[in-house]
Protein backbone atom coordinates (compact mmCIF):
# COMPACT_ATOMS: atom_id res chain seq x y z
CA MET A 1 111.41 268.77 73.42
CA GLY A 2 109.93 266.48 76.02
CA THR A 3 107.08 264.32 77.21
CA TRP A 4 105.27 264.33 80.55
CA ASN A 5 103.23 261.33 81.68
CA LEU A 6 100.06 262.18 83.58
CA GLU A 7 100.11 260.47 86.99
CA ALA A 8 97.14 262.11 88.76
CA PHE A 9 94.35 264.52 87.90
CA ASP A 10 91.81 265.97 90.34
CA PHE A 11 89.20 268.51 89.35
CA SER A 12 86.14 270.37 90.57
CA GLY A 13 83.48 272.52 88.99
CA SER A 14 79.80 273.05 88.46
CA THR A 15 77.26 272.25 85.79
CA SER A 16 73.85 273.64 84.97
CA GLY A 17 71.14 273.15 82.42
CA ASN A 18 67.45 273.24 81.73
CA PHE A 19 65.17 270.32 80.98
CA GLU A 20 61.89 271.67 79.66
CA ILE A 21 60.88 274.04 82.50
CA VAL A 22 63.15 272.64 85.23
CA ASP A 23 66.46 274.36 85.95
CA LEU A 24 69.16 271.94 87.12
CA SER A 25 72.55 272.68 88.67
CA SER A 26 75.16 270.74 90.60
CA ASP A 27 78.63 271.22 92.08
CA LEU A 28 80.96 268.28 91.54
CA SER A 29 84.46 267.03 92.08
CA GLY A 30 86.32 264.09 90.69
CA GLU A 31 89.52 262.35 89.87
CA ALA A 32 91.03 260.49 86.95
CA ARG A 33 91.58 256.75 87.13
CA ASN A 34 93.03 254.19 84.71
CA ILE A 35 95.39 256.87 83.43
CA ASP A 36 97.34 256.19 80.23
CA THR A 37 98.06 259.71 79.01
CA ALA A 38 101.05 261.78 77.89
CA LEU A 39 101.59 265.47 77.14
CA SER A 40 104.31 266.08 74.52
CA PHE A 41 105.87 269.51 73.99
CA ASN A 42 107.05 270.40 70.48
CA GLU A 43 109.81 272.76 69.33
CA ASP A 44 107.27 275.06 67.63
CA ASN A 45 105.71 275.85 71.07
CA THR A 46 102.72 273.55 70.51
CA PHE A 47 101.82 270.43 72.43
CA ASN A 48 99.98 267.14 71.90
CA PHE A 49 97.80 265.48 74.52
CA GLU A 50 97.38 261.77 73.79
CA GLY A 51 95.88 258.82 75.60
CA SER A 52 92.91 258.24 77.84
CA TYR A 53 91.65 258.24 81.41
CA ASP A 54 88.34 257.59 83.17
CA ASP A 55 86.55 260.39 85.04
CA VAL A 56 85.12 259.45 88.41
CA LEU A 57 82.65 262.15 89.46
CA GLU A 58 81.27 262.76 92.93
CA PRO A 59 78.59 265.33 93.76
CA LYS A 60 79.56 267.86 96.39
CA GLU A 61 77.34 267.96 99.46
């Protein structure tokens, strides 16, 4: 049906965890670099996501 090439990807979120007795959490944002990725839509209403990109994360202040 068609293929879209990923040109840019920005994201934000948060992460949390526990290391022994220390609770850790952080807000972050980032962007994709070195993008070589495509999203292909199929006639059976499924899609395939193929390729790769690098995540560049930055902590939020």
